[in-house]
PDB file of N, CA and C in Angstrom:
ATOM      1  N   MET A   1    -176.004-150.185-114.428  1.00  0.00           N
ATOM      2  CA  MET A   1    -175.256-148.955-114.258  1.00  0.00           C
ATOM      3  C   MET A   1    -173.942-149.287-113.562  1.00  0.00           C
ATOM      4  N   PHE A   2    -172.934-148.508-113.832  1.00  0.00           N
ATOM      5  CA  PHE A   2    -171.617-148.744-113.258  1.00  0.00           C
ATOM      6  C   PHE A   2    -171.574-148.364-111.793  1.00  0.00           C
ATOM      7  N   GLY A   3    -170.769-149.109-111.021  1.00  0.00           N
ATOM      8  CA  GLY A   3    -170.553-148.770-109.628  1.00  0.00           C
ATOM      9  C   GLY A   3    -169.647-147.564-109.515  1.00  0.00           C
ATOM     10  N   ALA A   4    -169.594-146.993-108.325  1.00  0.00           N
ATOM     11  CA  ALA A   4    -168.799-145.789-108.093  1.00  0.00           C
ATOM     12  C   ALA A   4    -167.320-146.007-108.383  1.00  0.00           C
ATOM     13  N   ALA A   5    -166.783-147.172-108.028  1.00  0.00           N
ATOM     14  CA  ALA A   5    -165.354-147.425-108.249  1.00  0.00           C
ATOM     15  C   ALA A   5    -165.029-147.456-109.736  1.00  0.00           C
ATOM     16  N   VAL A   6    -165.894-148.066-110.523  1.00  0.00           N
ATOM     17  CA  VAL A   6    -165.661-148.127-111.963  1.00  0.00           C
ATOM     18  C   VAL A   6    -165.775-146.735-112.568  1.00  0.00           C
ATOM     19  N   LEU A   7    -166.760-145.968-112.131  1.00  0.00           N
ATOM     20  CA  LEU A   7    -166.946-144.618-112.638  1.00  0.00           C
ATOM     21  C   LEU A   7    -165.739-143.751-112.319  1.00  0.00           C
ATOM     22  N   VAL A   8    -165.241-143.840-111.101  1.00  0.00           N
ATOM     23  CA  VAL A   8    -164.055-143.068-110.719  1.00  0.00           C
ATOM     24  C   VAL A   8    -162.874-143.473-111.589  1.00  0.00           C
ATOM     25  N   ALA A   9    -162.718-144.761-111.833  1.00  0.00           N
ATOM     26  CA  ALA A   9    -161.623-145.231-112.687  1.00  0.00           C
ATOM     27  C   ALA A   9    -161.775-144.687-114.102  1.00  0.00           C
ATOM     28  N   MET A  10    -163.011-144.668-114.608  1.00  0.00           N
ATOM     29  CA  MET A  10    -163.241-144.135-115.949  1.00  0.00           C
ATOM     30  C   MET A  10    -162.944-142.654-116.010  1.00  0.00           C
ATOM     31  N   LEU A  11    -163.387-141.922-115.004  1.00  0.00           N
ATOM     32  CA  LEU A  11    -163.139-140.485-114.989  1.00  0.00           C
ATOM     33  C   LEU A  11    -161.661-140.196-114.852  1.00  0.00           C
ATOM     34  N   GLY A  12    -160.934-141.126-114.268  1.00  0.00           N
ATOM     35  CA  GLY A  12    -159.492-140.967-114.171  1.00  0.00           C
ATOM     36  C   GLY A  12    -158.832-140.978-115.537  1.00  0.00           C
ATOM     37  N   THR A  13    -159.529-141.485-116.564  1.00  0.00           N
ATOM     38  CA  THR A  13    -158.984-141.486-117.914  1.00  0.00           C
ATOM     39  C   THR A  13    -159.303-140.204-118.663  1.00  0.00           C
ATOM     40  N   ALA A  14    -160.117-139.342-118.073  1.00  0.00           N
ATOM     41  CA  ALA A  14    -160.527-138.122-118.768  1.00  0.00           C
ATOM     42  C   ALA A  14    -159.354-137.271-119.230  1.00  0.00           C
ATOM     43  N   PRO A  15    -158.282-137.086-118.448  1.00  0.00           N
ATOM     44  CA  PRO A  15    -157.171-136.299-118.969  1.00  0.00           C
ATOM     45  C   PRO A  15    -156.549-136.920-120.214  1.00  0.00           C
ATOM     46  N   LEU A  16    -156.527-138.254-120.300  1.00  0.00           N
ATOM     47  CA  LEU A  16    -156.028-138.898-121.508  1.00  0.00           C
ATOM     48  C   LEU A  16    -156.957-138.622-122.674  1.00  0.00           C
ATOM     49  N   ALA A  17    -158.255-138.687-122.422  1.00  0.00           N
ATOM     50  CA  ALA A  17    -159.225-138.415-123.471  1.00  0.00           C
ATOM     51  C   ALA A  17    -159.112-136.960-123.934  1.00  0.00           C
ATOM     52  N   ALA A  18    -158.819-136.061-123.021  1.00  0.00           N
ATOM     53  CA  ALA A  18    -158.704-134.655-123.361  1.00  0.00           C
ATOM     54  C   ALA A  18    -157.567-134.421-124.350  1.00  0.00           C
ATOM     55  N   ALA A  19    -156.609-135.327-124.384  1.00  0.00           N
ATOM     56  CA  ALA A  19    -155.484-135.195-125.303  1.00  0.00           C
ATOM     57  C   ALA A  19    -155.890-135.578-126.723  1.00  0.00           C
ATOM     58  N   ASP A  20    -157.074-136.083-126.937  1.00  0.00           N
ATOM     59  CA  ASP A  20    -157.531-136.499-128.255  1.00  0.00           C
ATOM     60  C   ASP A  20    -158.747-135.671-128.673  1.00  0.00           C
ATOM     61  N   PRO A  21    -158.531-134.419-129.060  1.00  0.00           N
ATOM     62  CA  PRO A  21    -159.661-133.544-129.395  1.00  0.00           C
ATOM     63  C   PRO A  21    -160.471-134.033-130.595  1.00  0.00           C
ATOM     64  N   VAL A  22    -159.864-134.771-131.502  1.00  0.00           N
ATOM     65  CA  VAL A  22    -160.600-135.277-132.658  1.00  0.00           C
ATOM     66  C   VAL A  22    -161.641-136.299-132.210  1.00  0.00           C
ATOM     67  N   ARG A  23    -161.241-137.205-131.337  1.00  0.00           N
ATOM     68  CA  ARG A  23    -162.180-138.215-130.840  1.00  0.00           C
ATOM     69  C   ARG A  23    -163.315-137.567-130.038  1.00  0.00           C
ATOM     70  N   ILE A  24    -162.966-136.594-129.203  1.00  0.00           N
ATOM     71  CA  ILE A  24    -163.996-135.882-128.437  1.00  0.00           C
ATOM     72  C   ILE A  24    -164.962-135.193-129.392  1.00  0.00           C
ATOM     73  N   ALA A  25    -164.444-134.540-130.429  1.00  0.00           N
ATOM     74  CA  ALA A  25    -165.301-133.856-131.402  1.00  0.00           C
ATOM     75  C   ALA A  25    -166.225-134.842-132.115  1.00  0.00           C
ATOM     76  N   LEU A  26    -165.708-136.021-132.454  1.00  0.00           N
ATOM     77  CA  LEU A  26    -166.535-137.025-133.120  1.00  0.00           C
ATOM     78  C   LEU A  26    -167.661-137.518-132.221  1.00  0.00           C
ATOM     79  N   VAL A  27    -167.344-137.786-130.969  1.00  0.00           N
ATOM     80  CA  VAL A  27    -168.346-138.306-130.034  1.00  0.00           C
ATOM     81  C   VAL A  27    -169.377-137.243-129.673  1.00  0.00           C
ATOM     82  N   THR A  28    -168.952-136.009-129.548  1.00  0.00           N
ATOM     83  CA  THR A  28    -169.862-134.948-129.105  1.00  0.00           C
ATOM     84  C   THR A  28    -170.535-134.202-130.247  1.00  0.00           C
ATOM     85  N   GLY A  29    -170.194-134.548-131.479  1.00  0.00           N
ATOM     86  CA  GLY A  29    -170.794-133.865-132.625  1.00  0.00           C
ATOM     87  C   GLY A  29    -172.311-133.948-132.641  1.00  0.00           C
ATOM     88  N   GLY A  30    -172.844-135.087-132.246  1.00  0.00           N
ATOM     89  CA  GLY A  30    -174.298-135.234-132.197  1.00  0.00           C
ATOM     90  C   GLY A  30    -174.946-134.359-131.139  1.00  0.00           C
ATOM     91  N   CYS A  31    -174.237-134.092-130.077  1.00  0.00           N
ATOM     92  CA  CYS A  31    -174.768-133.253-128.993  1.00  0.00           C
ATOM     93  C   CYS A  31    -174.994-131.817-129.469  1.00  0.00           C
ATOM     94  N   THR A  32    -174.048-131.344-130.295  1.00  0.00           N
ATOM     95  CA  THR A  32    -174.060-129.940-130.687  1.00  0.00           C
ATOM     96  C   THR A  32    -175.217-129.594-131.616  1.00  0.00           C
ATOM     97  N   GLY A  33    -175.752-130.582-132.315  1.00  0.00           N
ATOM     98  CA  GLY A  33    -176.875-130.316-133.203  1.00  0.00           C
ATOM     99  C   GLY A  33    -178.072-129.731-132.477  1.00  0.00           C
ATOM    100  N   CYS A  34    -178.307-130.177-131.266  1.00  0.00           N
ATOM    101  CA  CYS A  34    -179.438-129.671-130.468  1.00  0.00           C
ATOM    102  C   CYS A  34    -178.995-128.703-129.378  1.00  0.00           C
ATOM    103  N   HIS A  35    -177.905-129.048-128.693  1.00  0.00           N
ATOM    104  CA  HIS A  35    -177.482-128.281-127.514  1.00  0.00           C
ATOM    105  C   HIS A  35    -176.562-127.113-127.837  1.00  0.00           C
ATOM    106  N   GLY A  36    -176.162-126.963-129.113  1.00  0.00           N
ATOM    107  CA  GLY A  36    -175.292-125.875-129.521  1.00  0.00           C
ATOM    108  C   GLY A  36    -173.827-126.270-129.443  1.00  0.00           C
ATOM    109  N   ASN A  37    -173.005-125.610-130.229  1.00  0.00           N
ATOM    110  CA  ASN A  37    -171.589-125.958-130.320  1.00  0.00           C
ATOM    111  C   ASN A  37    -170.882-125.893-128.977  1.00  0.00           C
ATOM    112  N   ALA A  38    -171.265-124.951-128.161  1.00  0.00           N
ATOM    113  CA  ALA A  38    -170.643-124.812-126.839  1.00  0.00           C
ATOM    114  C   ALA A  38    -171.492-125.444-125.745  1.00  0.00           C
ATOM    115  N   GLY A  39    -172.555-126.134-126.126  1.00  0.00           N
ATOM    116  CA  GLY A  39    -173.440-126.746-125.132  1.00  0.00           C
ATOM    117  C   GLY A  39    -174.330-125.744-124.432  1.00  0.00           C
ATOM    118  N   GLU A  40    -174.536-124.592-125.071  1.00  0.00           N
ATOM    119  CA  GLU A  40    -175.275-123.491-124.447  1.00  0.00           C
ATOM    120  C   GLU A  40    -176.786-123.654-124.470  1.00  0.00           C
ATOM    121  N   GLY A  41    -177.294-124.595-125.252  1.00  0.00           N
ATOM    122  CA  GLY A  41    -178.735-124.797-125.328  1.00  0.00           C
ATOM    123  C   GLY A  41    -179.422-123.649-126.043  1.00  0.00           C
ATOM    124  N   GLY A  42    -180.732-123.636-125.996  1.00  0.00           N
ATOM    125  CA  GLY A  42    -181.526-122.586-126.614  1.00  0.00           C
ATOM    126  C   GLY A  42    -182.722-123.153-127.339  1.00  0.00           C
ATOM    127  N   HIS A  43    -183.712-122.310-127.578  1.00  0.00           N
ATOM    128  CA  HIS A  43    -184.935-122.712-128.283  1.00  0.00           C
ATOM    129  C   HIS A  43    -185.584-123.932-127.636  1.00  0.00           C
ATOM    130  N   GLY A  44    -185.648-123.940-126.322  1.00  0.00           N
ATOM    131  CA  GLY A  44    -186.293-125.021-125.585  1.00  0.00           C
ATOM    132  C   GLY A  44    -185.392-126.204-125.267  1.00  0.00           C
ATOM    133  N   VAL A  45    -184.172-126.197-125.767  1.00  0.00           N
ATOM    134  CA  VAL A  45    -183.218-127.276-125.489  1.00  0.00           C
ATOM    135  C   VAL A  45    -182.322-126.802-124.343  1.00  0.00           C
ATOM    136  N   PRO A  46    -182.182-127.602-123.297  1.00  0.00           N
ATOM    137  CA  PRO A  46    -181.402-127.144-122.142  1.00  0.00           C
ATOM    138  C   PRO A  46    -179.907-127.047-122.423  1.00  0.00           C
ATOM    139  N   ALA A  47    -179.265-126.153-121.717  1.00  0.00           N
ATOM    140  CA  ALA A  47    -177.807-126.056-121.749  1.00  0.00           C
ATOM    141  C   ALA A  47    -177.230-127.287-121.062  1.00  0.00           C
ATOM    142  N   ILE A  48    -176.107-127.761-121.584  1.00  0.00           N
ATOM    143  CA  ILE A  48    -175.408-128.878-120.943  1.00  0.00           C
ATOM    144  C   ILE A  48    -174.006-128.488-120.504  1.00  0.00           C
ATOM    145  N   ALA A  49    -173.514-127.380-120.995  1.00  0.00           N
ATOM    146  CA  ALA A  49    -172.148-126.957-120.669  1.00  0.00           C
ATOM    147  C   ALA A  49    -172.086-126.400-119.253  1.00  0.00           C
ATOM    148  N   GLY A  50    -171.206-126.982-118.457  1.00  0.00           N
ATOM    149  CA  GLY A  50    -170.948-126.458-117.125  1.00  0.00           C
ATOM    150  C   GLY A  50    -172.064-126.630-116.123  1.00  0.00           C
ATOM    151  N   THR A  51    -173.059-127.442-116.427  1.00  0.00           N
ATOM    152  CA  THR A  51    -174.194-127.590-115.515  1.00  0.00           C
ATOM    153  C   THR A  51    -174.027-128.740-114.528  1.00  0.00           C
ATOM    154  N   LYS A  52    -173.113-129.662-114.809  1.00  0.00           N
ATOM    155  CA  LYS A  52    -172.913-130.837-113.952  1.00  0.00           C
ATOM    156  C   LYS A  52    -171.422-131.130-113.834  1.00  0.00           C
ATOM    157  N   SER A  53    -171.051-131.800-112.742  1.00  0.00           N
ATOM    158  CA  SER A  53    -169.687-132.310-112.618  1.00  0.00           C
ATOM    159  C   SER A  53    -169.524-133.452-113.621  1.00  0.00           C
ATOM    160  N   GLN A  54    -168.296-133.915-113.824  1.00  0.00           N
ATOM    161  CA  GLN A  54    -168.080-135.035-114.739  1.00  0.00           C
ATOM    162  C   GLN A  54    -168.863-136.266-114.290  1.00  0.00           C
ATOM    163  N   ALA A  55    -168.806-136.589-113.005  1.00  0.00           N
ATOM    164  CA  ALA A  55    -169.519-137.770-112.505  1.00  0.00           C
ATOM    165  C   ALA A  55    -171.025-137.617-112.687  1.00  0.00           C
ATOM    166  N   GLU A  56    -171.567-136.436-112.415  1.00  0.00           N
ATOM    167  CA  GLU A  56    -173.002-136.209-112.591  1.00  0.00           C
ATOM    168  C   GLU A  56    -173.395-136.302-114.063  1.00  0.00           C
ATOM    169  N   PHE A  57    -172.551-135.764-114.939  1.00  0.00           N
ATOM    170  CA  PHE A  57    -172.832-135.807-116.375  1.00  0.00           C
ATOM    171  C   PHE A  57    -172.916-137.256-116.849  1.00  0.00           C
ATOM    172  N   VAL A  58    -171.907-138.051-116.490  1.00  0.00           N
ATOM    173  CA  VAL A  58    -171.884-139.465-116.897  1.00  0.00           C
ATOM    174  C   VAL A  58    -173.088-140.202-116.317  1.00  0.00           C
ATOM    175  N   ALA A  59    -173.391-139.983-115.049  1.00  0.00           N
ATOM    176  CA  ALA A  59    -174.525-140.656-114.412  1.00  0.00           C
ATOM    177  C   ALA A  59    -175.845-140.269-115.085  1.00  0.00           C
ATOM    178  N   THR A  60    -175.986-139.005-115.467  1.00  0.00           N
ATOM    179  CA  THR A  60    -177.199-138.562-116.155  1.00  0.00           C
ATOM    180  C   THR A  60    -177.337-139.254-117.501  1.00  0.00           C
ATOM    181  N   MET A  61    -176.236-139.328-118.241  1.00  0.00           N
ATOM    182  CA  MET A  61    -176.281-139.994-119.541  1.00  0.00           C
ATOM    183  C   MET A  61    -176.583-141.487-119.387  1.00  0.00           C
ATOM    184  N   GLN A  62    -176.032-142.110-118.366  1.00  0.00           N
ATOM    185  CA  GLN A  62    -176.335-143.526-118.108  1.00  0.00           C
ATOM    186  C   GLN A  62    -177.817-143.698-117.775  1.00  0.00           C
ATOM    187  N   ALA A  63    -178.367-142.770-116.992  1.00  0.00           N
ATOM    188  CA  ALA A  63    -179.790-142.841-116.640  1.00  0.00           C
ATOM    189  C   ALA A  63    -180.657-142.715-117.881  1.00  0.00           C
ATOM    190  N   PHE A  64    -180.298-141.814-118.785  1.00  0.00           N
ATOM    191  CA  PHE A  64    -181.034-141.716-120.054  1.00  0.00           C
ATOM    192  C   PHE A  64    -180.981-143.050-120.792  1.00  0.00           C
ATOM    193  N   ARG A  65    -179.776-143.601-120.934  1.00  0.00           N
ATOM    194  CA  ARG A  65    -179.586-144.837-121.695  1.00  0.00           C
ATOM    195  C   ARG A  65    -180.372-146.000-121.095  1.00  0.00           C
ATOM    196  N   GLU A  66    -180.413-146.074-119.772  1.00  0.00           N
ATOM    197  CA  GLU A  66    -181.082-147.186-119.086  1.00  0.00           C
ATOM    198  C   GLU A  66    -182.578-146.964-118.895  1.00  0.00           C
ATOM    199  N   GLY A  67    -183.102-145.839-119.390  1.00  0.00           N
ATOM    200  CA  GLY A  67    -184.524-145.543-119.258  1.00  0.00           C
ATOM    201  C   GLY A  67    -184.928-145.160-117.849  1.00  0.00           C
ATOM    202  N   GLN A  68    -183.987-144.679-117.064  1.00  0.00           N
ATOM    203  CA  GLN A  68    -184.263-144.313-115.676  1.00  0.00           C
ATOM    204  C   GLN A  68    -184.542-142.820-115.506  1.00  0.00           C
ATOM    205  N   TRP A  69    -184.434-142.051-116.579  1.00  0.00           N
ATOM    206  CA  TRP A  69    -184.732-140.621-116.526  1.00  0.00           C
ATOM    207  C   TRP A  69    -186.203-140.486-116.849  1.00  0.00           C
ATOM    208  N   THR A  70    -186.972-139.883-115.960  1.00  0.00           N
ATOM    209  CA  THR A  70    -188.418-139.858-116.163  1.00  0.00           C
ATOM    210  C   THR A  70    -188.998-138.468-116.386  1.00  0.00           C
ATOM    211  N   ALA A  71    -188.331-137.419-115.946  1.00  0.00           N
ATOM    212  CA  ALA A  71    -188.931-136.094-116.098  1.00  0.00           C
ATOM    213  C   ALA A  71    -187.839-135.069-116.352  1.00  0.00           C
ATOM    214  N   PRO A  72    -188.034-134.110-117.177  1.00  0.00           N
ATOM    215  CA  PRO A  72    -189.146-134.015-118.126  1.00  0.00           C
ATOM    216  C   PRO A  72    -188.955-135.003-119.268  1.00  0.00           C
ATOM    217  N   PRO A  73    -190.037-135.307-120.001  1.00  0.00           N
ATOM    218  CA  PRO A  73    -189.921-136.227-121.135  1.00  0.00           C
ATOM    219  C   PRO A  73    -188.916-135.681-122.154  1.00  0.00           C
ATOM    220  N   THR A  74    -188.167-136.561-122.753  1.00  0.00           N
ATOM    221  CA  THR A  74    -187.114-136.148-123.678  1.00  0.00           C
ATOM    222  C   THR A  74    -186.815-137.268-124.665  1.00  0.00           C
ATOM    223  N   VAL A  75    -186.137-136.938-125.737  1.00  0.00           N
ATOM    224  CA  VAL A  75    -185.690-137.946-126.698  1.00  0.00           C
ATOM    225  C   VAL A  75    -184.345-138.540-126.295  1.00  0.00           C
ATOM    226  N   MET A  76    -183.745-138.031-125.229  1.00  0.00           N
ATOM    227  CA  MET A  76    -182.401-138.451-124.844  1.00  0.00           C
ATOM    228  C   MET A  76    -182.315-139.929-124.494  1.00  0.00           C
ATOM    229  N   ASP A  77    -183.396-140.535-124.030  1.00  0.00           N
ATOM    230  CA  ASP A  77    -183.339-141.970-123.711  1.00  0.00           C
ATOM    231  C   ASP A  77    -183.045-142.781-124.966  1.00  0.00           C
ATOM    232  N   ARG A  78    -183.569-142.350-126.095  1.00  0.00           N
ATOM    233  CA  ARG A  78    -183.310-143.058-127.349  1.00  0.00           C
ATOM    234  C   ARG A  78    -181.934-142.706-127.909  1.00  0.00           C
ATOM    235  N   ILE A  79    -181.533-141.477-127.794  1.00  0.00           N
ATOM    236  CA  ILE A  79    -180.226-141.053-128.306  1.00  0.00           C
ATOM    237  C   ILE A  79    -179.102-141.702-127.510  1.00  0.00           C
ATOM    238  N   ALA A  80    -179.226-141.728-126.194  1.00  0.00           N
ATOM    239  CA  ALA A  80    -178.149-142.228-125.325  1.00  0.00           C
ATOM    240  C   ALA A  80    -177.876-143.708-125.526  1.00  0.00           C
ATOM    241  N   ARG A  81    -178.837-144.456-126.038  1.00  0.00           N
ATOM    242  CA  ARG A  81    -178.626-145.897-126.269  1.00  0.00           C
ATOM    243  C   ARG A  81    -177.486-146.170-127.236  1.00  0.00           C
ATOM    244  N   GLY A  82    -177.141-145.200-128.066  1.00  0.00           N
ATOM    245  CA  GLY A  82    -176.091-145.386-129.057  1.00  0.00           C
ATOM    246  C   GLY A  82    -174.687-145.106-128.552  1.00  0.00           C
ATOM    247  N   TYR A  83    -174.549-144.807-127.265  1.00  0.00           N
ATOM    248  CA  TYR A  83    -173.246-144.422-126.718  1.00  0.00           C
ATOM    249  C   TYR A  83    -172.814-145.351-125.592  1.00  0.00           C
ATOM    250  N   SER A  84    -171.508-145.529-125.477  1.00  0.00           N
ATOM    251  CA  SER A  84    -170.920-146.343-124.410  1.00  0.00           C
ATOM    252  C   SER A  84    -170.584-145.455-123.209  1.00  0.00           C
ATOM    253  N   ASP A  85    -170.231-146.082-122.113  1.00  0.00           N
ATOM    254  CA  ASP A  85    -169.797-145.325-120.939  1.00  0.00           C
ATOM    255  C   ASP A  85    -168.532-144.524-121.253  1.00  0.00           C
ATOM    256  N   GLU A  86    -167.653-145.089-122.056  1.00  0.00           N
ATOM    257  CA  GLU A  86    -166.447-144.344-122.458  1.00  0.00           C
ATOM    258  C   GLU A  86    -166.833-143.093-123.245  1.00  0.00           C
ATOM    259  N   ASP A  87    -167.837-143.205-124.110  1.00  0.00           N
ATOM    260  CA  ASP A  87    -168.324-142.042-124.845  1.00  0.00           C
ATOM    261  C   ASP A  87    -168.849-140.977-123.882  1.00  0.00           C
ATOM    262  N   PHE A  88    -169.577-141.417-122.859  1.00  0.00           N
ATOM    263  CA  PHE A  88    -170.113-140.466-121.880  1.00  0.00           C
ATOM    264  C   PHE A  88    -168.988-139.722-121.171  1.00  0.00           C
ATOM    265  N   VAL A  89    -167.893-140.417-120.885  1.00  0.00           N
ATOM    266  CA  VAL A  89    -166.739-139.760-120.259  1.00  0.00           C
ATOM    267  C   VAL A  89    -166.161-138.715-121.200  1.00  0.00           C
ATOM    268  N   LEU A  90    -166.075-139.040-122.489  1.00  0.00           N
ATOM    269  CA  LEU A  90    -165.583-138.071-123.466  1.00  0.00           C
ATOM    270  C   LEU A  90    -166.510-136.862-123.554  1.00  0.00           C
ATOM    271  N   MET A  91    -167.813-137.099-123.520  1.00  0.00           N
ATOM    272  CA  MET A  91    -168.769-135.991-123.521  1.00  0.00           C
ATOM    273  C   MET A  91    -168.563-135.107-122.299  1.00  0.00           C
ATOM    274  N   ALA A  92    -168.388-135.753-121.157  1.00  0.00           N
ATOM    275  CA  ALA A  92    -168.176-135.003-119.917  1.00  0.00           C
ATOM    276  C   ALA A  92    -166.895-134.178-119.986  1.00  0.00           C
ATOM    277  N   THR A  93    -165.883-134.707-120.667  1.00  0.00           N
ATOM    278  CA  THR A  93    -164.636-133.968-120.822  1.00  0.00           C
ATOM    279  C   THR A  93    -164.892-132.628-121.520  1.00  0.00           C
ATOM    280  N   ARG A  94    -165.808-132.627-122.467  1.00  0.00           N
ATOM    281  CA  ARG A  94    -166.119-131.392-123.204  1.00  0.00           C
ATOM    282  C   ARG A  94    -167.129-130.517-122.487  1.00  0.00           C
ATOM    283  N   PHE A  95    -168.182-131.114-121.930  1.00  0.00           N
ATOM    284  CA  PHE A  95    -169.306-130.322-121.469  1.00  0.00           C
ATOM    285  C   PHE A  95    -169.454-130.157-119.958  1.00  0.00           C
ATOM    286  N   ALA A  96    -168.855-131.029-119.157  1.00  0.00           N
ATOM    287  CA  ALA A  96    -169.028-130.917-117.700  1.00  0.00           C
ATOM    288  C   ALA A  96    -168.255-129.716-117.170  1.00  0.00           C
ATOM    289  N   ARG A  97    -168.691-129.231-116.025  1.00  0.00           N
ATOM    290  CA  ARG A  97    -167.968-128.113-115.417  1.00  0.00           C
ATOM    291  C   ARG A  97    -166.628-128.622-114.906  1.00  0.00           C
ATOM    292  N   PRO A  98    -165.629-127.765-114.891  1.00  0.00           N
ATOM    293  CA  PRO A  98    -164.317-128.196-114.379  1.00  0.00           C
ATOM    294  C   PRO A  98    -164.424-128.636-112.929  1.00  0.00           C
ATOM    295  N   ASN A  99    -163.662-129.656-112.585  1.00  0.00           N
ATOM    296  CA  ASN A  99    -163.699-130.160-111.207  1.00  0.00           C
ATOM    297  C   ASN A  99    -162.987-129.227-110.274  1.00  0.00           C
TER     298      ASN A  99
END
């Protein structure tokens, strides 16, 4: 998992990522299939929009990817393996609550 300094540096790129809505849409397209277009959740799938800060969102996704998320059971550990830390920052740009 990334250290705090690296994570802060990555999150510092979020405004640049926000300038590329096409890339954000491509990276987050898989999220919307289950979590809804606005990340609102539903039908047993949790909401992801506005529920975490950018740093918390990225850390949660890293925990899924590294198999460190234990409860409740979810398919996210397998899904998150396909994404990089940069992808997680882009996801956070769309779904995390504003800082």
